[in-house]
Protein backbone atom coordinates (compact mmCIF):
# COMPACT_ATOMS: atom_id res chain seq x y z
CA MET A 1 74.90 112.75 95.58
CA SER A 2 72.27 114.48 97.66
CA GLU A 3 73.00 117.82 99.26
CA SER A 4 70.76 116.73 102.15
CA SER A 5 72.94 113.72 103.06
CA ASP A 6 75.40 113.72 105.94
CA ARG A 7 78.81 113.50 104.33
CA LEU A 8 82.52 113.61 104.91
CA GLU A 9 84.44 115.47 102.21
CA CYS A 10 88.20 114.84 101.99
CA LYS A 11 90.52 116.36 99.40
CA SER A 12 94.18 115.66 98.70
CA SER A 13 96.67 115.88 95.88
CA ASN A 14 95.97 112.16 95.25
CA GLY A 15 92.26 112.80 94.80
CA ASN A 16 89.04 113.49 96.61
CA ILE A 17 86.60 111.25 98.43
CA THR A 18 83.12 112.00 99.72
CA ILE A 19 81.50 109.48 102.04
CA LEU A 20 77.72 109.60 102.53
CA TYR A 21 76.37 108.28 105.81
CA ASP A 22 73.42 108.28 108.15
CA GLU A 23 72.89 107.12 111.73
CA LYS A 24 72.92 103.47 110.57
CA GLY A 25 76.24 103.62 108.71
CA VAL A 26 77.86 104.31 105.35
CA ILE A 27 75.35 104.59 102.51
CA GLY A 28 77.53 105.60 99.56
CA TYR A 29 80.62 107.38 98.32
CA SER A 30 82.25 109.08 95.36
CA THR A 31 85.93 109.42 94.48
CA ILE A 32 87.96 111.50 92.08
CA GLY A 33 91.59 110.71 91.33
CA SER A 34 93.58 107.71 92.46
CA LEU A 35 91.86 107.14 95.82
CA SER A 36 89.99 103.87 96.26
CA TYR A 37 87.24 102.86 98.65
CA ASP A 38 85.65 99.43 99.13
CA LEU A 39 82.06 100.25 100.07
CA TYR A 40 81.14 96.77 101.30
CA ASP A 41 84.22 96.35 103.50
CA GLU A 42 83.83 99.84 104.91
CA GLN A 43 80.11 99.26 105.60
CA GLU A 44 81.07 96.17 107.59
CA ILE A 45 83.64 98.12 109.59
CA ALA A 46 81.16 100.95 110.19
CA SER A 47 78.49 98.48 111.34
CA LYS A 48 80.75 97.45 114.23
CA MET A 49 80.85 101.02 115.58
CA SER A 50 78.54 104.01 115.40
CA ALA A 51 78.49 105.91 112.11
CA SER A 52 79.82 109.04 113.79
CA ASN A 53 82.74 107.11 115.31
CA TYR A 54 83.54 105.55 111.93
CA ILE A 55 83.43 108.94 110.17
CA ASN A 56 85.59 110.58 112.83
CA GLN A 57 88.15 107.74 112.63
CA TYR A 58 88.21 107.86 108.81
CA LYS A 59 88.72 111.64 108.99
CA ILE A 60 91.67 111.26 111.37
CA ASN A 61 93.25 108.50 109.27
CA PHE A 62 92.86 110.48 106.03
CA GLU A 63 94.27 113.66 107.53
CA ASN A 64 97.25 111.77 108.98
CA SER A 65 97.90 109.88 105.74
CA TYR A 66 97.67 112.82 103.33
CA ASP A 67 98.39 115.80 105.61
CA GLU A 68 95.13 117.34 104.41
CA THR A 69 91.85 118.31 106.08
CA CYS A 70 88.43 116.67 105.79
CA ILE A 71 85.15 118.46 106.40
CA ILE A 72 82.08 116.87 107.97
CA LYS A 73 78.89 118.31 106.49
CA GLU A 74 75.70 117.35 108.25
CA LYS A 75 72.40 117.52 106.45
CA PHE A 76 70.33 120.62 106.88
CA ILE A 77 67.12 119.97 108.78
CA ARG A 78 64.36 122.58 108.73
């Protein structure tokens, strides 16, 4: 996972998920614990809306489902 990628980091007692994305959509992910993520289905969903809208909606859904907080980390541009 690149530190220079835009990413959404979500942590819960069920596990952690990090979603990598760019302006075109979801480009990858990693999970720890019992959380699952179907990259191809989520890429299709994200392609129907902007990447930022998808990430914001995923963040809201995760936080509501697990009562935890997600952090959006945008890449550092010099």
